[in-house]
């Protein structure tokens, strides 16, 4: 995981990925999924600030293109619309 992302988003909010013992070993794809699924708007804006809108969008669209993903339908729809409008 990106060191800045860990320090500014995950370090004090261990509930994002509570089942992982060492959050620093989590990849960016899992971090994006955790924040988009469980974070508040401040967390999402911090994620986008750190990784960049295009990178977060790319990761998100890659995740939802798979046959199975862990996003709730409303979350997937919201961020699909959000990234289509803001990441292009």
PDB file of N, CA and C in Angstrom:
ATOM      1  N   UNK A   1       0.848  -1.177   0.000  1.00  0.00           N
ATOM      2  CA  UNK A   1       0.000   0.000   0.000  1.00  0.00           C
ATOM      3  C   UNK A   1       0.890   1.236   0.000  1.00  0.00           C
ATOM      4  N   UNK A   2       0.425   2.231  -0.644  1.00  0.00           N
ATOM      5  CA  UNK A   2       1.075   3.529  -0.665  1.00  0.00           C
ATOM      6  C   UNK A   2       1.270   4.001   0.785  1.00  0.00           C
ATOM      7  N   UNK A   3       2.497   4.390   1.133  1.00  0.00           N
ATOM      8  CA  UNK A   3       2.798   4.779   2.519  1.00  0.00           C
ATOM      9  C   UNK A   3       1.948   5.962   2.979  1.00  0.00           C
ATOM     10  N   UNK A   4       1.783   6.953   2.117  1.00  0.00           N
ATOM     11  CA  UNK A   4       0.976   8.129   2.484  1.00  0.00           C
ATOM     12  C   UNK A   4      -0.492   7.728   2.694  1.00  0.00           C
ATOM     13  N   UNK A   5      -0.991   6.838   1.857  1.00  0.00           N
ATOM     14  CA  UNK A   5      -2.360   6.360   2.004  1.00  0.00           C
ATOM     15  C   UNK A   5      -2.538   5.656   3.347  1.00  0.00           C
ATOM     16  N   UNK A   6      -1.577   4.840   3.716  1.00  0.00           N
ATOM     17  CA  UNK A   6      -1.631   4.167   5.013  1.00  0.00           C
ATOM     18  C   UNK A   6      -1.633   5.179   6.150  1.00  0.00           C
ATOM     19  N   UNK A   7      -0.707   6.125   6.101  1.00  0.00           N
ATOM     20  CA  UNK A   7      -0.569   7.105   7.185  1.00  0.00           C
ATOM     21  C   UNK A   7      -1.792   8.007   7.331  1.00  0.00           C
ATOM     22  N   UNK A   8      -2.364   8.456   6.215  1.00  0.00           N
ATOM     23  CA  UNK A   8      -3.422   9.459   6.269  1.00  0.00           C
ATOM     24  C   UNK A   8      -4.837   8.890   6.288  1.00  0.00           C
ATOM     25  N   UNK A   9      -5.003   7.650   5.863  1.00  0.00           N
ATOM     26  CA  UNK A   9      -6.360   7.096   5.806  1.00  0.00           C
ATOM     27  C   UNK A   9      -6.524   5.865   6.692  1.00  0.00           C
ATOM     28  N   UNK A  10      -5.625   4.910   6.590  1.00  0.00           N
ATOM     29  CA  UNK A  10      -5.839   3.619   7.239  1.00  0.00           C
ATOM     30  C   UNK A  10      -5.302   3.505   8.659  1.00  0.00           C
ATOM     31  N   UNK A  11      -4.264   4.206   8.984  1.00  0.00           N
ATOM     32  CA  UNK A  11      -3.597   4.040  10.278  1.00  0.00           C
ATOM     33  C   UNK A  11      -4.548   4.182  11.467  1.00  0.00           C
ATOM     34  N   UNK A  12      -5.409   5.181  11.435  1.00  0.00           N
ATOM     35  CA  UNK A  12      -6.319   5.422  12.548  1.00  0.00           C
ATOM     36  C   UNK A  12      -7.713   4.841  12.320  1.00  0.00           C
ATOM     37  N   UNK A  13      -7.915   4.179  11.199  1.00  0.00           N
ATOM     38  CA  UNK A  13      -9.227   3.628  10.875  1.00  0.00           C
ATOM     39  C   UNK A  13      -9.080   2.158  10.485  1.00  0.00           C
ATOM     40  N   UNK A  14      -8.682   1.377  11.421  1.00  0.00           N
ATOM     41  CA  UNK A  14      -8.395  -0.027  11.167  1.00  0.00           C
ATOM     42  C   UNK A  14      -9.623  -0.831  10.760  1.00  0.00           C
ATOM     43  N   UNK A  15     -10.809  -0.282  10.954  1.00  0.00           N
ATOM     44  CA  UNK A  15     -12.036  -1.005  10.609  1.00  0.00           C
ATOM     45  C   UNK A  15     -12.235  -1.155   9.095  1.00  0.00           C
ATOM     46  N   UNK A  16     -11.510  -0.405   8.275  1.00  0.00           N
ATOM     47  CA  UNK A  16     -11.654  -0.548   6.834  1.00  0.00           C
ATOM     48  C   UNK A  16     -11.353  -1.976   6.398  1.00  0.00           C
ATOM     49  N   UNK A  17     -10.259  -2.505   6.876  1.00  0.00           N
ATOM     50  CA  UNK A  17      -9.870  -3.884   6.557  1.00  0.00           C
ATOM     51  C   UNK A  17      -9.472  -4.543   7.871  1.00  0.00           C
ATOM     52  N   UNK A  18     -10.449  -4.769   8.708  1.00  0.00           N
ATOM     53  CA  UNK A  18     -10.204  -5.226  10.071  1.00  0.00           C
ATOM     54  C   UNK A  18      -9.634  -6.639  10.145  1.00  0.00           C
ATOM     55  N   UNK A  19      -9.801  -7.446   9.131  1.00  0.00           N
ATOM     56  CA  UNK A  19      -9.368  -8.842   9.173  1.00  0.00           C
ATOM     57  C   UNK A  19      -7.906  -9.013   8.753  1.00  0.00           C
ATOM     58  N   UNK A  20      -7.255  -7.941   8.329  1.00  0.00           N
ATOM     59  CA  UNK A  20      -5.859  -8.002   7.898  1.00  0.00           C
ATOM     60  C   UNK A  20      -4.967  -7.557   9.043  1.00  0.00           C
ATOM     61  N   UNK A  21      -3.959  -8.359   9.354  1.00  0.00           N
ATOM     62  CA  UNK A  21      -3.081  -8.037  10.477  1.00  0.00           C
ATOM     63  C   UNK A  21      -2.116  -6.901  10.154  1.00  0.00           C
ATOM     64  N   UNK A  22      -1.534  -6.896   8.961  1.00  0.00           N
ATOM     65  CA  UNK A  22      -0.564  -5.868   8.589  1.00  0.00           C
ATOM     66  C   UNK A  22      -1.106  -5.075   7.405  1.00  0.00           C
ATOM     67  N   UNK A  23      -1.719  -3.935   7.691  1.00  0.00           N
ATOM     68  CA  UNK A  23      -2.345  -3.120   6.646  1.00  0.00           C
ATOM     69  C   UNK A  23      -1.347  -2.567   5.636  1.00  0.00           C
ATOM     70  N   UNK A  24      -0.106  -2.459   6.012  1.00  0.00           N
ATOM     71  CA  UNK A  24       0.895  -1.930   5.089  1.00  0.00           C
ATOM     72  C   UNK A  24       1.156  -2.878   3.926  1.00  0.00           C
ATOM     73  N   UNK A  25       0.755  -4.134   4.057  1.00  0.00           N
ATOM     74  CA  UNK A  25       0.950  -5.109   2.990  1.00  0.00           C
ATOM     75  C   UNK A  25      -0.249  -5.201   2.047  1.00  0.00           C
ATOM     76  N   UNK A  26      -1.297  -4.445   2.325  1.00  0.00           N
ATOM     77  CA  UNK A  26      -2.485  -4.443   1.473  1.00  0.00           C
ATOM     78  C   UNK A  26      -2.162  -3.679   0.191  1.00  0.00           C
ATOM     79  N   UNK A  27      -2.608  -4.215  -0.959  1.00  0.00           N
ATOM     80  CA  UNK A  27      -2.334  -3.526  -2.224  1.00  0.00           C
ATOM     81  C   UNK A  27      -3.317  -2.374  -2.442  1.00  0.00           C
ATOM     82  N   UNK A  28      -3.007  -1.532  -3.415  1.00  0.00           N
ATOM     83  CA  UNK A  28      -3.842  -0.359  -3.676  1.00  0.00           C
ATOM     84  C   UNK A  28      -5.252  -0.745  -4.116  1.00  0.00           C
ATOM     85  N   UNK A  29      -5.391  -1.848  -4.827  1.00  0.00           N
ATOM     86  CA  UNK A  29      -6.712  -2.281  -5.275  1.00  0.00           C
ATOM     87  C   UNK A  29      -7.626  -2.597  -4.088  1.00  0.00           C
ATOM     88  N   UNK A  30      -7.103  -3.284  -3.118  1.00  0.00           N
ATOM     89  CA  UNK A  30      -7.888  -3.593  -1.921  1.00  0.00           C
ATOM     90  C   UNK A  30      -8.182  -2.337  -1.111  1.00  0.00           C
ATOM     91  N   UNK A  31      -7.229  -1.421  -1.086  1.00  0.00           N
ATOM     92  CA  UNK A  31      -7.434  -0.159  -0.371  1.00  0.00           C
ATOM     93  C   UNK A  31      -8.547   0.655  -1.016  1.00  0.00           C
ATOM     94  N   UNK A  32      -8.555   0.722  -2.348  1.00  0.00           N
ATOM     95  CA  UNK A  32      -9.612   1.450  -3.050  1.00  0.00           C
ATOM     96  C   UNK A  32     -10.967   0.836  -2.747  1.00  0.00           C
ATOM     97  N   UNK A  33     -11.070  -0.472  -2.832  1.00  0.00           N
ATOM     98  CA  UNK A  33     -12.340  -1.145  -2.543  1.00  0.00           C
ATOM     99  C   UNK A  33     -12.801  -0.878  -1.117  1.00  0.00           C
ATOM    100  N   UNK A  34     -11.888  -0.931  -0.174  1.00  0.00           N
ATOM    101  CA  UNK A  34     -12.247  -0.710   1.228  1.00  0.00           C
ATOM    102  C   UNK A  34     -12.752   0.711   1.461  1.00  0.00           C
ATOM    103  N   UNK A  35     -12.067   1.692   0.899  1.00  0.00           N
ATOM    104  CA  UNK A  35     -12.467   3.078   1.123  1.00  0.00           C
ATOM    105  C   UNK A  35     -13.773   3.396   0.401  1.00  0.00           C
ATOM    106  N   UNK A  36     -13.903   2.975  -0.850  1.00  0.00           N
ATOM    107  CA  UNK A  36     -15.140   3.256  -1.582  1.00  0.00           C
ATOM    108  C   UNK A  36     -16.337   2.548  -0.957  1.00  0.00           C
ATOM    109  N   UNK A  37     -16.124   1.383  -0.393  1.00  0.00           N
ATOM    110  CA  UNK A  37     -17.225   0.625   0.207  1.00  0.00           C
ATOM    111  C   UNK A  37     -17.569   1.072   1.621  1.00  0.00           C
ATOM    112  N   UNK A  38     -16.562   1.487   2.397  1.00  0.00           N
ATOM    113  CA  UNK A  38     -16.780   1.730   3.824  1.00  0.00           C
ATOM    114  C   UNK A  38     -16.407   3.125   4.315  1.00  0.00           C
ATOM    115  N   UNK A  39     -15.785   3.921   3.477  1.00  0.00           N
ATOM    116  CA  UNK A  39     -15.325   5.226   3.910  1.00  0.00           C
ATOM    117  C   UNK A  39     -16.393   6.293   3.818  1.00  0.00           C
ATOM    118  N   UNK A  40     -16.125   7.414   4.468  1.00  0.00           N
ATOM    119  CA  UNK A  40     -17.011   8.562   4.306  1.00  0.00           C
ATOM    120  C   UNK A  40     -16.414   9.452   3.202  1.00  0.00           C
ATOM    121  N   UNK A  41     -17.093  10.557   2.905  1.00  0.00           N
ATOM    122  CA  UNK A  41     -16.673  11.384   1.777  1.00  0.00           C
ATOM    123  C   UNK A  41     -15.268  11.947   1.978  1.00  0.00           C
ATOM    124  N   UNK A  42     -14.913  12.272   3.206  1.00  0.00           N
ATOM    125  CA  UNK A  42     -13.569  12.783   3.509  1.00  0.00           C
ATOM    126  C   UNK A  42     -12.510  11.730   3.179  1.00  0.00           C
ATOM    127  N   UNK A  43     -12.777  10.488   3.535  1.00  0.00           N
ATOM    128  CA  UNK A  43     -11.841   9.398   3.234  1.00  0.00           C
ATOM    129  C   UNK A  43     -11.689   9.209   1.726  1.00  0.00           C
ATOM    130  N   UNK A  44     -12.796   9.303   1.012  1.00  0.00           N
ATOM    131  CA  UNK A  44     -12.777   9.124  -0.441  1.00  0.00           C
ATOM    132  C   UNK A  44     -11.991  10.249  -1.104  1.00  0.00           C
ATOM    133  N   UNK A  45     -12.199  11.472  -0.659  1.00  0.00           N
ATOM    134  CA  UNK A  45     -11.456  12.597  -1.217  1.00  0.00           C
ATOM    135  C   UNK A  45      -9.962  12.469  -0.931  1.00  0.00           C
ATOM    136  N   UNK A  46      -9.600  11.985   0.235  1.00  0.00           N
ATOM    137  CA  UNK A  46      -8.196  11.778   0.589  1.00  0.00           C
ATOM    138  C   UNK A  46      -7.589  10.679  -0.294  1.00  0.00           C
ATOM    139  N   UNK A  47      -8.347   9.610  -0.521  1.00  0.00           N
ATOM    140  CA  UNK A  47      -7.902   8.527  -1.407  1.00  0.00           C
ATOM    141  C   UNK A  47      -7.618   9.073  -2.805  1.00  0.00           C
ATOM    142  N   UNK A  48      -8.539   9.872  -3.331  1.00  0.00           N
ATOM    143  CA  UNK A  48      -8.379  10.441  -4.669  1.00  0.00           C
ATOM    144  C   UNK A  48      -7.207  11.419  -4.701  1.00  0.00           C
ATOM    145  N   UNK A  49      -7.032  12.192  -3.646  1.00  0.00           N
ATOM    146  CA  UNK A  49      -5.909  13.129  -3.575  1.00  0.00           C
ATOM    147  C   UNK A  49      -4.570  12.392  -3.619  1.00  0.00           C
ATOM    148  N   UNK A  50      -4.493  11.277  -2.926  1.00  0.00           N
ATOM    149  CA  UNK A  50      -3.236  10.542  -2.820  1.00  0.00           C
ATOM    150  C   UNK A  50      -2.947   9.726  -4.081  1.00  0.00           C
ATOM    151  N   UNK A  51      -3.920   8.945  -4.556  1.00  0.00           N
ATOM    152  CA  UNK A  51      -3.682   8.067  -5.707  1.00  0.00           C
ATOM    153  C   UNK A  51      -3.985   8.742  -7.042  1.00  0.00           C
ATOM    154  N   UNK A  52      -4.811   9.759  -7.025  1.00  0.00           N
ATOM    155  CA  UNK A  52      -5.194  10.436  -8.257  1.00  0.00           C
ATOM    156  C   UNK A  52      -6.535   9.920  -8.771  1.00  0.00           C
ATOM    157  N   UNK A  53      -7.306  10.820  -9.336  1.00  0.00           N
ATOM    158  CA  UNK A  53      -8.640  10.477  -9.837  1.00  0.00           C
ATOM    159  C   UNK A  53      -8.576   9.393 -10.915  1.00  0.00           C
ATOM    160  N   UNK A  54      -7.637   9.527 -11.844  1.00  0.00           N
ATOM    161  CA  UNK A  54      -7.547   8.551 -12.942  1.00  0.00           C
ATOM    162  C   UNK A  54      -7.184   7.156 -12.430  1.00  0.00           C
ATOM    163  N   UNK A  55      -6.273   7.090 -11.480  1.00  0.00           N
ATOM    164  CA  UNK A  55      -5.853   5.785 -10.948  1.00  0.00           C
ATOM    165  C   UNK A  55      -6.979   5.116 -10.166  1.00  0.00           C
ATOM    166  N   UNK A  56      -7.662   5.872  -9.306  1.00  0.00           N
ATOM    167  CA  UNK A  56      -8.772   5.308  -8.534  1.00  0.00           C
ATOM    168  C   UNK A  56      -9.878   4.854  -9.485  1.00  0.00           C
ATOM    169  N   UNK A  57     -10.161   5.674 -10.485  1.00  0.00           N
ATOM    170  CA  UNK A  57     -11.178   5.324 -11.481  1.00  0.00           C
ATOM    171  C   UNK A  57     -10.796   4.054 -12.230  1.00  0.00           C
ATOM    172  N   UNK A  58      -9.545   3.970 -12.658  1.00  0.00           N
ATOM    173  CA  UNK A  58      -9.066   2.786 -13.382  1.00  0.00           C
ATOM    174  C   UNK A  58      -9.212   1.522 -12.529  1.00  0.00           C
ATOM    175  N   UNK A  59      -8.804   1.611 -11.281  1.00  0.00           N
ATOM    176  CA  UNK A  59      -8.917   0.472 -10.369  1.00  0.00           C
ATOM    177  C   UNK A  59     -10.382   0.090 -10.174  1.00  0.00           C
ATOM    178  N   UNK A  60     -11.239   1.079  -9.941  1.00  0.00           N
ATOM    179  CA  UNK A  60     -12.667   0.814  -9.726  1.00  0.00           C
ATOM    180  C   UNK A  60     -13.300   0.138 -10.935  1.00  0.00           C
ATOM    181  N   UNK A  61     -13.090   0.679 -12.133  1.00  0.00           N
ATOM    182  CA  UNK A  61     -13.704   0.085 -13.326  1.00  0.00           C
ATOM    183  C   UNK A  61     -13.153  -1.304 -13.609  1.00  0.00           C
ATOM    184  N   UNK A  62     -11.890  -1.530 -13.302  1.00  0.00           N
ATOM    185  CA  UNK A  62     -11.320  -2.874 -13.441  1.00  0.00           C
ATOM    186  C   UNK A  62     -12.013  -3.839 -12.479  1.00  0.00           C
ATOM    187  N   UNK A  63     -12.250  -3.396 -11.259  1.00  0.00           N
ATOM    188  CA  UNK A  63     -12.900  -4.254 -10.265  1.00  0.00           C
ATOM    189  C   UNK A  63     -14.341  -4.589 -10.647  1.00  0.00           C
ATOM    190  N   UNK A  64     -15.098  -3.600 -11.111  1.00  0.00           N
ATOM    191  CA  UNK A  64     -16.507  -3.876 -11.415  1.00  0.00           C
ATOM    192  C   UNK A  64     -16.683  -4.605 -12.743  1.00  0.00           C
ATOM    193  N   UNK A  65     -15.633  -4.688 -13.562  1.00  0.00           N
ATOM    194  CA  UNK A  65     -15.736  -5.417 -14.822  1.00  0.00           C
ATOM    195  C   UNK A  65     -15.622  -6.928 -14.624  1.00  0.00           C
ATOM    196  N   UNK A  66     -15.176  -7.335 -13.464  1.00  0.00           N
ATOM    197  CA  UNK A  66     -15.047  -8.769 -13.165  1.00  0.00           C
ATOM    198  C   UNK A  66     -16.422  -9.371 -12.906  1.00  0.00           C
ATOM    199  N   UNK A  67     -16.561 -10.669 -13.133  1.00  0.00           N
ATOM    200  CA  UNK A  67     -17.867 -11.299 -12.890  1.00  0.00           C
ATOM    201  C   UNK A  67     -18.353 -11.150 -11.447  1.00  0.00           C
ATOM    202  N   UNK A  68     -17.416 -11.139 -10.505  1.00  0.00           N
ATOM    203  CA  UNK A  68     -17.783 -10.974  -9.089  1.00  0.00           C
ATOM    204  C   UNK A  68     -16.993  -9.822  -8.496  1.00  0.00           C
ATOM    205  N   UNK A  69     -17.667  -9.032  -7.677  1.00  0.00           N
ATOM    206  CA  UNK A  69     -16.986  -7.976  -6.938  1.00  0.00           C
ATOM    207  C   UNK A  69     -17.726  -7.775  -5.621  1.00  0.00           C
ATOM    208  N   UNK A  70     -17.144  -7.008  -4.730  1.00  0.00           N
ATOM    209  CA  UNK A  70     -17.707  -6.843  -3.391  1.00  0.00           C
ATOM    210  C   UNK A  70     -18.449  -5.530  -3.179  1.00  0.00           C
ATOM    211  N   UNK A  71     -18.706  -4.803  -4.240  1.00  0.00           N
ATOM    212  CA  UNK A  71     -19.427  -3.542  -4.101  1.00  0.00           C
ATOM    213  C   UNK A  71     -20.932  -3.781  -4.038  1.00  0.00           C
ATOM    214  N   UNK A  72     -21.600  -3.046  -3.154  1.00  0.00           N
ATOM    215  CA  UNK A  72     -23.062  -3.066  -3.143  1.00  0.00           C
ATOM    216  C   UNK A  72     -23.557  -2.376  -4.408  1.00  0.00           C
ATOM    217  N   UNK A  73     -24.752  -2.716  -4.853  1.00  0.00           N
ATOM    218  CA  UNK A  73     -25.285  -2.186  -6.112  1.00  0.00           C
ATOM    219  C   UNK A  73     -25.340  -0.654  -6.103  1.00  0.00           C
ATOM    220  N   UNK A  74     -25.784  -0.061  -5.007  1.00  0.00           N
ATOM    221  CA  UNK A  74     -25.884   1.403  -4.933  1.00  0.00           C
ATOM    222  C   UNK A  74     -24.497   2.053  -4.970  1.00  0.00           C
ATOM    223  N   UNK A  75     -23.546   1.458  -4.298  1.00  0.00           N
ATOM    224  CA  UNK A  75     -22.178   1.978  -4.284  1.00  0.00           C
ATOM    225  C   UNK A  75     -21.580   1.900  -5.678  1.00  0.00           C
ATOM    226  N   UNK A  76     -21.752   0.760  -6.320  1.00  0.00           N
ATOM    227  CA  UNK A  76     -21.228   0.573  -7.673  1.00  0.00           C
ATOM    228  C   UNK A  76     -21.849   1.586  -8.642  1.00  0.00           C
ATOM    229  N   UNK A  77     -23.154   1.769  -8.566  1.00  0.00           N
ATOM    230  CA  UNK A  77     -23.832   2.710  -9.456  1.00  0.00           C
ATOM    231  C   UNK A  77     -23.354   4.142  -9.210  1.00  0.00           C
ATOM    232  N   UNK A  78     -23.275   4.541  -7.935  1.00  0.00           N
ATOM    233  CA  UNK A  78     -22.838   5.901  -7.615  1.00  0.00           C
ATOM    234  C   UNK A  78     -21.450   6.184  -8.166  1.00  0.00           C
ATOM    235  N   UNK A  79     -20.488   5.315  -7.868  1.00  0.00           N
ATOM    236  CA  UNK A  79     -19.114   5.580  -8.285  1.00  0.00           C
ATOM    237  C   UNK A  79     -18.919   5.387  -9.785  1.00  0.00           C
ATOM    238  N   UNK A  80     -19.701   4.552 -10.423  1.00  0.00           N
ATOM    239  CA  UNK A  80     -19.647   4.444 -11.878  1.00  0.00           C
ATOM    240  C   UNK A  80     -20.019   5.798 -12.488  1.00  0.00           C
ATOM    241  N   UNK A  81     -21.132   6.369 -12.028  1.00  0.00           N
ATOM    242  CA  UNK A  81     -21.563   7.681 -12.519  1.00  0.00           C
ATOM    243  C   UNK A  81     -20.557   8.772 -12.150  1.00  0.00           C
ATOM    244  N   UNK A  82     -20.075   8.746 -10.921  1.00  0.00           N
ATOM    245  CA  UNK A  82     -19.128   9.756 -10.444  1.00  0.00           C
ATOM    246  C   UNK A  82     -17.843   9.752 -11.276  1.00  0.00           C
ATOM    247  N   UNK A  83     -17.261   8.570 -11.487  1.00  0.00           N
ATOM    248  CA  UNK A  83     -16.004   8.501 -12.233  1.00  0.00           C
ATOM    249  C   UNK A  83     -16.211   8.752 -13.719  1.00  0.00           C
ATOM    250  N   UNK A  84     -17.324   8.342 -14.284  1.00  0.00           N
ATOM    251  CA  UNK A  84     -17.594   8.647 -15.686  1.00  0.00           C
ATOM    252  C   UNK A  84     -17.642  10.163 -15.909  1.00  0.00           C
ATOM    253  N   UNK A  85     -18.173  10.857 -14.949  1.00  0.00           N
ATOM    254  CA  UNK A  85     -18.304  12.311 -15.082  1.00  0.00           C
ATOM    255  C   UNK A  85     -17.009  13.048 -14.736  1.00  0.00           C
ATOM    256  N   UNK A  86     -16.303  12.589 -13.719  1.00  0.00           N
ATOM    257  CA  UNK A  86     -15.166  13.358 -13.189  1.00  0.00           C
ATOM    258  C   UNK A  86     -13.784  12.872 -13.591  1.00  0.00           C
ATOM    259  N   UNK A  87     -13.655  11.656 -14.071  1.00  0.00           N
ATOM    260  CA  UNK A  87     -12.329  11.126 -14.381  1.00  0.00           C
ATOM    261  C   UNK A  87     -12.030  11.167 -15.875  1.00  0.00           C
ATOM    262  N   UNK A  88     -12.969  11.586 -16.663  1.00  0.00           N
ATOM    263  CA  UNK A  88     -12.747  11.593 -18.119  1.00  0.00           C
ATOM    264  C   UNK A  88     -11.986  12.809 -18.568  1.00  0.00           C
TER     265      UNK A  88
END
